Amino acid sequence: MQAAVYQGAQRFDVREIDTPEPRPNQVLVQVTRSAICGTDVHAFMYDLAPAGAVLGHEIAGRIAKLGSDVQGWDVGSRVVAGGGDPPPGGESPMRTDPRYNYRTMGFGGSRTGGYAEFTLVEAWRLQAIPDAVPDEVAALTEPCSVAVHAVRRSAVKLGDTVGVVGAGPIGLLCMQAASAAGATRLLVSEPAPARAQLARDLGAADVINPLEEDVSERFVELSDGLGPDVIFDCAGFRDTLDQAFAAARRGGQVILVAVPWEPMPLEPADWMAREVDFRVSFASEPEDWRVALDLLASGRISGDALVSEASFIELDQIQETFEGLMQPSSQLQILIKL
């Protein structure tokens, strides 16, 4: 099978490798769509992925072969490669290790992920794709689950004003998840015109260009001088977290969803007297995947809006695509078409 094998030093090699055979309780999935995730871009940018790894974890496909002892699945079933409840002992160390460090522990080990024609998945991990969800949207289930998890960890309630900093794929999904949770006014900060327009199309009341306006001041002005009830930082750039704190209302909340890889300076004296709460949201839980699939199937979150003809690349375009994603981008979701 064809696979994009990471070589180290920011290089992929697209080549033929052996198609794996499922062991007992595993399923071989033929990948139809594999979305490119920001965490994989970070692994590429900072050379964190081990040489020989096939990255990719936002996967939609069809079951090609069942390992022995696998029950409840059929060859040909449409699935996403994640979201199942782990068996005892199968929990991720991210949730069980009391001193888990994503930077140093999050990319260890060699694996065959979704940047390949086939991938092996433990049967318990799989989730069935609803008929109403096409493969290209199903591949967004994992990032959608991240947005759902962030909103479920937040204090968003019916009638709230919510700010979203950064209208990339996660920001746009987070915005829609907040709306589904009851937020009635959505304020967004985004400099890229195409992303800003899509945020408007998806329900943002106002979109601020942070290159032209002060985000904190405008968020406050647009929320009756009080500030948003909850602000999600989905950008993770140098100044965005401090902007969110500065804009939040008294007793409001800031949720960090992005994964910043550089120091983020803060000026707590500017906002700590308002007793703003702070939470971090990281990855997602199985229940978040199920909620995400339901929201995508019902249309309460539009995955189609994030996908266009320009979203698709071939596997042999992965090197140039990742190099381009190392810089700030106006691109929406990118998917590998296999």
Protein backbone atom coordinates (compact mmCIF):
# COMPACT_ATOMS: atom_id res chain seq x y z
CA MET A 1 0.00 0.00 0.00
CA GLN A 2 1.01 3.64 -0.47
CA ALA A 3 1.86 5.56 2.69
CA ALA A 4 3.47 8.86 3.67
CA VAL A 5 6.26 7.73 6.00
CA TYR A 6 7.81 10.40 8.19
CA GLN A 7 11.60 10.39 7.80
CA GLY A 8 12.50 12.98 10.44
CA ALA A 9 13.88 16.46 9.79
CA GLN A 10 10.57 17.65 8.30
CA ARG A 11 10.53 15.12 5.46
CA PHE A 12 7.88 12.67 4.28
CA ASP A 13 8.60 9.83 1.90
CA VAL A 14 5.55 8.59 0.00
CA ARG A 15 6.31 4.98 -0.82
CA GLU A 16 4.99 1.44 -0.95
CA ILE A 17 4.91 -0.41 2.37
CA ASP A 18 3.37 -3.70 3.41
CA THR A 19 -0.36 -3.69 4.03
CA PRO A 20 -0.75 -4.73 7.68
CA GLU A 21 -2.71 -7.79 8.74
CA PRO A 22 -5.20 -7.42 11.60
CA ARG A 23 -4.40 -9.31 14.76
CA PRO A 24 -7.17 -10.67 17.01
CA ASN A 25 -9.57 -7.89 17.99
CA GLN A 26 -8.19 -5.56 15.30
CA VAL A 27 -9.79 -4.25 12.12
CA LEU A 28 -8.12 -3.26 8.87
CA VAL A 29 -9.68 -0.02 7.64
CA GLN A 30 -9.37 1.20 4.08
CA VAL A 31 -8.89 4.94 4.44
CA THR A 32 -11.07 7.05 2.17
CA ARG A 33 -10.49 10.49 3.73
CA SER A 34 -7.83 11.56 6.20
CA ALA A 35 -7.94 15.12 7.52
CA ILE A 36 -4.72 16.93 8.40
CA CYS A 37 -4.62 17.91 12.05
CA GLY A 38 -2.71 20.78 13.64
CA THR A 39 -1.04 18.38 16.07
CA ASP A 40 0.53 16.52 13.16
CA VAL A 41 1.69 19.84 11.73
CA HIS A 42 3.31 20.55 15.12
CA ALA A 43 4.95 17.11 15.07
CA PHE A 44 6.34 17.95 11.63
CA MET A 45 7.32 21.54 12.44
CA TYR A 46 9.16 20.67 15.67
CA ASP A 47 10.40 17.27 14.40
CA LEU A 48 8.68 15.43 17.24
CA ALA A 49 7.36 12.43 15.34
CA PRO A 50 9.57 9.34 15.33
CA ALA A 51 11.17 8.40 12.03
CA GLY A 52 9.20 5.62 10.38
CA ALA A 53 5.84 6.75 11.70
CA VAL A 54 2.79 7.15 9.49
CA LEU A 55 0.85 10.03 11.01
CA GLY A 56 -2.84 10.87 10.70
CA HIS A 57 -5.66 10.28 13.17
CA GLU A 58 -8.67 12.08 11.63
CA ILE A 59 -9.82 9.11 9.60
CA ALA A 60 -12.92 8.00 7.76
CA GLY A 61 -13.00 4.75 5.85
CA ARG A 62 -14.47 1.32 5.32
CA ILE A 63 -13.71 -1.95 7.04
CA ALA A 64 -11.58 -4.08 4.70
CA LYS A 65 -10.80 -7.04 6.94
CA LEU A 66 -11.68 -8.32 10.40
CA GLY A 67 -9.30 -9.91 12.83
CA SER A 68 -10.30 -13.04 14.64
CA ASP A 69 -12.61 -12.54 17.62
CA VAL A 70 -14.01 -9.27 16.21
CA GLN A 71 -17.77 -9.13 16.62
CA GLY A 72 -20.36 -6.49 15.78
CA TRP A 73 -18.67 -5.21 12.62
CA ASP A 74 -18.93 -6.21 8.97
CA VAL A 75 -16.58 -5.82 6.04
CA GLY A 76 -17.66 -2.72 4.11
CA SER A 77 -19.06 -0.84 7.12
CA ARG A 78 -18.28 2.88 7.13
CA VAL A 79 -16.39 3.92 10.24
CA VAL A 80 -14.35 6.63 11.90
CA ALA A 81 -11.18 5.38 13.55
CA GLY A 82 -11.81 6.59 17.08
CA GLY A 83 -14.29 7.41 19.77
CA GLY A 84 -14.94 4.00 21.24
CA ASP A 85 -14.87 3.25 24.96
CA PRO A 86 -11.54 1.68 25.95
CA PRO A 87 -11.56 -1.67 27.70
CA PRO A 88 -10.03 -1.93 31.18
CA GLY A 89 -6.33 -1.25 30.83
CA GLY A 90 -6.73 0.31 27.40
CA GLU A 91 -7.07 3.89 28.55
CA SER A 92 -4.73 6.47 27.05
CA PRO A 93 -1.81 7.53 29.28
CA MET A 94 -2.94 11.08 28.52
CA ARG A 95 -5.86 10.40 30.89
CA THR A 96 -4.18 8.02 33.34
CA ASP A 97 -0.61 9.26 33.83
CA PRO A 98 -0.70 11.89 36.61
CA ARG A 99 2.34 13.66 35.14
CA TYR A 100 1.54 13.31 31.44
CA ASN A 101 3.45 15.79 29.26
CA TYR A 102 2.09 16.16 25.75
CA ARG A 103 5.22 17.86 24.40
CA THR A 104 7.56 15.07 25.49
CA MET A 105 5.21 12.08 25.53
CA GLY A 106 2.58 12.78 22.91
CA PHE A 107 4.43 11.60 19.81
CA GLY A 108 6.30 8.52 20.99
CA GLY A 109 6.25 5.18 19.25
CA SER A 110 5.92 4.15 15.64
CA ARG A 111 2.46 3.61 14.22
CA THR A 112 0.58 3.41 10.95
CA GLY A 113 -2.03 6.14 10.91
CA GLY A 114 -4.32 7.66 8.34
CA TYR A 115 -1.77 9.00 5.84
CA ALA A 116 -1.88 5.63 4.13
CA GLU A 117 -4.28 3.54 2.08
CA PHE A 118 -5.00 1.22 5.02
CA THR A 119 -4.69 1.49 8.79
CA LEU A 120 -5.07 -0.97 11.64
CA VAL A 121 -7.51 -0.01 14.40
CA GLU A 122 -8.48 -1.80 17.59
CA ALA A 123 -12.08 -2.85 17.07
CA TRP A 124 -13.25 -1.17 20.26
CA ARG A 125 -12.11 2.22 18.95
CA LEU A 126 -14.42 2.32 15.94
CA GLN A 127 -17.59 4.36 15.57
CA ALA A 128 -20.13 3.83 12.79
CA ILE A 129 -20.64 6.74 10.42
CA PRO A 130 -24.32 7.79 10.16
CA ASP A 131 -25.79 7.54 6.65
CA ALA A 132 -26.36 11.30 6.59
CA VAL A 133 -22.64 12.04 7.01
CA PRO A 134 -20.39 11.77 3.92
CA ASP A 135 -16.83 10.55 4.33
CA GLU A 136 -15.26 13.99 3.99
CA VAL A 137 -17.40 15.27 6.87
CA ALA A 138 -16.93 12.09 8.90
CA ALA A 139 -13.17 12.70 8.77
CA LEU A 140 -13.84 15.86 10.79
CA THR A 141 -15.36 13.90 13.69
CA GLU A 142 -12.16 14.03 15.74
CA PRO A 143 -11.67 17.83 15.49
CA CYS A 144 -15.39 18.27 16.04
CA SER A 145 -15.09 16.16 19.19
CA VAL A 146 -12.31 18.49 20.38
CA ALA A 147 -14.66 21.46 19.95
CA VAL A 148 -17.49 19.59 21.69
CA HIS A 149 -15.17 18.69 24.57
CA ALA A 150 -14.10 22.33 24.95
CA VAL A 151 -17.70 23.54 25.10
CA ARG A 152 -18.71 20.75 27.50
CA ARG A 153 -15.84 21.79 29.79
CA SER A 154 -16.92 25.41 29.61
CA ALA A 155 -19.60 27.31 31.48
CA VAL A 156 -21.55 28.23 28.33
CA LYS A 157 -25.27 28.44 29.02
CA LEU A 158 -28.43 29.51 27.27
CA GLY A 159 -28.30 33.15 26.19
CA ASP A 160 -24.56 33.68 26.67
CA THR A 161 -22.30 35.86 24.57
CA VAL A 162 -19.30 33.80 23.46
CA GLY A 163 -16.03 34.99 21.96
CA VAL A 164 -13.88 32.79 19.72
CA VAL A 165 -10.30 33.80 18.96
CA GLY A 166 -9.20 32.17 15.71
CA ALA A 167 -11.57 30.89 13.01
CA GLY A 168 -9.56 27.97 11.74
CA PRO A 169 -11.26 24.57 11.64
CA ILE A 170 -11.27 24.15 15.44
CA GLY A 171 -12.49 27.72 16.01
CA LEU A 172 -15.31 27.35 13.49
CA LEU A 173 -16.36 24.03 15.00
CA CYS A 174 -16.10 25.46 18.52
CA MET A 175 -18.25 28.41 17.51
CA GLN A 176 -20.96 26.09 16.21
CA ALA A 177 -20.75 23.82 19.25
CA ALA A 178 -21.18 26.84 21.54
CA SER A 179 -24.24 27.85 19.55
CA ALA A 180 -25.66 24.32 19.86
CA ALA A 181 -25.07 24.59 23.63
CA GLY A 182 -27.17 27.76 23.89
CA ALA A 183 -24.91 30.73 23.12
CA THR A 184 -26.98 33.36 21.35
CA ARG A 185 -24.32 35.91 20.38
CA LEU A 186 -21.02 34.86 18.82
CA LEU A 187 -18.04 37.21 18.47
CA VAL A 188 -15.02 36.08 16.48
CA SER A 189 -11.49 37.35 15.91
CA GLU A 190 -9.93 36.26 12.61
CA PRO A 191 -7.61 38.06 10.15
CA ALA A 192 -8.00 35.79 7.10
CA PRO A 193 -10.87 37.08 4.91
CA ALA A 194 -12.13 33.65 3.79
CA ARG A 195 -12.23 32.32 7.34
CA ALA A 196 -13.81 35.54 8.61
CA GLN A 197 -16.55 35.31 6.00
CA LEU A 198 -17.24 31.68 6.83
CA ALA A 199 -17.55 32.61 10.50
CA ARG A 200 -20.20 35.16 9.50
CA ASP A 201 -21.95 32.59 7.31
CA LEU A 202 -22.05 30.17 10.24
CA GLY A 203 -23.67 32.66 12.59
CA ALA A 204 -21.08 35.02 14.03
CA ALA A 205 -22.70 38.34 14.88
CA ASP A 206 -19.42 40.23 14.46
CA VAL A 207 -15.97 39.29 13.19
CA ILE A 208 -12.98 41.43 14.19
CA ASN A 209 -9.75 41.64 12.22
CA PRO A 210 -7.01 41.56 14.90
CA LEU A 211 -4.56 43.20 12.50
CA GLU A 212 -6.76 46.28 12.28
CA GLU A 213 -8.62 46.49 15.61
CA ASP A 214 -7.97 45.84 19.28
CA VAL A 215 -9.67 42.50 19.91
CA SER A 216 -10.22 42.99 23.63
CA GLU A 217 -11.72 46.45 23.24
CA ARG A 218 -14.01 45.39 20.40
CA PHE A 219 -15.22 42.27 22.21
CA VAL A 220 -16.14 44.46 25.19
CA GLU A 221 -17.84 47.08 23.03
CA LEU A 222 -19.86 44.42 21.22
CA SER A 223 -21.08 42.88 24.49
CA ASP A 224 -22.67 45.98 26.03
CA GLY A 225 -19.44 47.06 27.69
CA LEU A 226 -19.29 43.93 29.86
CA GLY A 227 -17.23 41.46 27.83
CA PRO A 228 -18.20 37.98 26.64
CA ASP A 229 -19.35 35.40 29.16
CA VAL A 230 -16.95 32.78 27.79
CA ILE A 231 -14.03 33.16 25.39
CA PHE A 232 -12.36 30.24 23.57
CA ASP A 233 -8.76 30.76 22.47
CA CYS A 234 -8.53 28.58 19.38
CA ALA A 235 -5.50 30.39 17.95
CA GLY A 236 -2.79 30.04 20.59
CA PHE A 237 -0.63 32.84 19.24
CA ARG A 238 1.62 35.03 21.35
CA ASP A 239 -0.97 37.60 22.44
CA THR A 240 -4.27 35.75 22.09
CA LEU A 241 -4.60 34.34 25.60
CA ASP A 242 -3.95 37.72 27.22
CA GLN A 243 -6.47 39.29 24.80
CA ALA A 244 -9.06 36.76 25.92
CA PHE A 245 -8.46 37.45 29.62
CA ALA A 246 -8.57 41.20 29.02
CA ALA A 247 -11.90 40.91 27.19
CA ALA A 248 -13.76 38.48 29.47
CA ARG A 249 -16.50 39.87 31.68
CA ARG A 250 -16.35 39.92 35.48
CA GLY A 251 -16.68 36.34 36.66
CA GLY A 252 -16.42 35.17 33.05
CA GLN A 253 -14.34 32.33 31.72
CA VAL A 254 -11.47 31.75 29.30
CA ILE A 255 -10.93 28.32 27.72
CA LEU A 256 -7.60 27.52 26.04
CA VAL A 257 -8.30 25.10 23.20
CA ALA A 258 -5.29 25.73 20.95
CA VAL A 259 -1.98 24.06 21.82
CA PRO A 260 0.61 26.86 21.97
CA TRP A 261 4.23 25.85 21.42
CA GLU A 262 5.77 29.20 22.27
CA PRO A 263 5.66 31.31 25.47
CA MET A 264 2.50 33.40 25.88
CA PRO A 265 3.11 36.56 27.95
CA LEU A 266 0.31 37.64 30.29
CA GLU A 267 -0.47 40.88 32.13
CA PRO A 268 -2.60 39.60 35.03
CA ALA A 269 -2.86 42.99 36.74
CA ASP A 270 -5.05 44.13 33.85
CA TRP A 271 -7.79 41.55 34.44
CA MET A 272 -7.32 39.43 37.56
CA ALA A 273 -9.43 41.76 39.72
CA ARG A 274 -12.44 40.69 37.63
CA GLU A 275 -11.86 37.11 38.88
CA VAL A 276 -11.91 35.55 35.45
CA ASP A 277 -11.91 31.74 35.55
CA PHE A 278 -9.52 29.77 33.36
CA ARG A 279 -9.78 26.24 32.04
CA VAL A 280 -7.74 24.22 29.59
CA SER A 281 -9.42 21.77 27.23
CA PHE A 282 -7.34 19.05 25.61
CA ALA A 283 -8.37 16.41 23.08
CA SER A 284 -11.69 14.67 23.78
CA GLU A 285 -13.47 11.74 25.40
CA PRO A 286 -15.49 8.95 23.73
CA GLU A 287 -18.76 10.65 24.62
CA ASP A 288 -17.59 13.78 22.80
CA TRP A 289 -17.13 11.74 19.61
CA ARG A 290 -20.68 10.44 19.85
CA VAL A 291 -22.07 13.92 20.43
CA ALA A 292 -19.97 15.24 17.53
CA LEU A 293 -21.32 12.59 15.14
CA ASP A 294 -24.86 13.41 16.23
CA LEU A 295 -24.34 17.14 15.69
CA LEU A 296 -22.77 16.55 12.27
CA ALA A 297 -25.54 14.15 11.24
CA SER A 298 -28.28 16.55 12.33
CA GLY A 299 -26.67 19.57 10.69
CA ARG A 300 -26.44 21.49 13.97
CA ILE A 301 -22.73 21.61 13.18
CA SER A 302 -21.93 22.01 9.50
CA GLY A 303 -18.88 20.03 8.48
CA ASP A 304 -19.69 20.66 4.82
CA ALA A 305 -19.00 24.36 5.32
CA LEU A 306 -15.35 23.61 6.11
CA VAL A 307 -14.84 21.49 2.99
CA SER A 308 -14.55 22.64 -0.62
CA GLU A 309 -12.84 21.36 -3.76
CA ALA A 310 -9.74 23.23 -2.62
CA SER A 311 -9.70 21.14 0.57
CA PHE A 312 -8.55 17.93 -1.11
CA ILE A 313 -5.00 16.87 -1.85
CA GLU A 314 -3.44 13.65 -3.08
CA LEU A 315 -1.09 11.69 -0.86
CA ASP A 316 1.93 12.68 -2.95
CA GLN A 317 1.22 16.36 -2.19
CA ILE A 318 1.72 15.92 1.56
CA GLN A 319 5.27 17.33 1.76
CA GLU A 320 4.45 20.67 0.12
CA THR A 321 1.17 20.87 2.04
CA PHE A 322 2.82 20.46 5.44
CA GLU A 323 5.52 22.96 4.53
CA GLY A 324 2.82 25.48 3.67
CA LEU A 325 0.95 24.82 6.93
CA MET A 326 4.01 25.76 8.97
CA GLN A 327 3.07 29.39 8.33
CA PRO A 328 -0.21 31.13 9.28
CA SER A 329 -2.76 30.11 6.68
CA SER A 330 -6.13 31.15 5.32
CA GLN A 331 -6.80 27.55 4.33
CA LEU A 332 -9.78 25.80 5.88
CA GLN A 333 -9.77 22.04 6.42
CA ILE A 334 -7.39 19.98 4.29
CA LEU A 335 -8.16 16.34 3.57
CA ILE A 336 -6.11 13.66 1.87
CA LYS A 337 -8.18 11.83 -0.72
CA LEU A 338 -7.22 8.16 -0.86
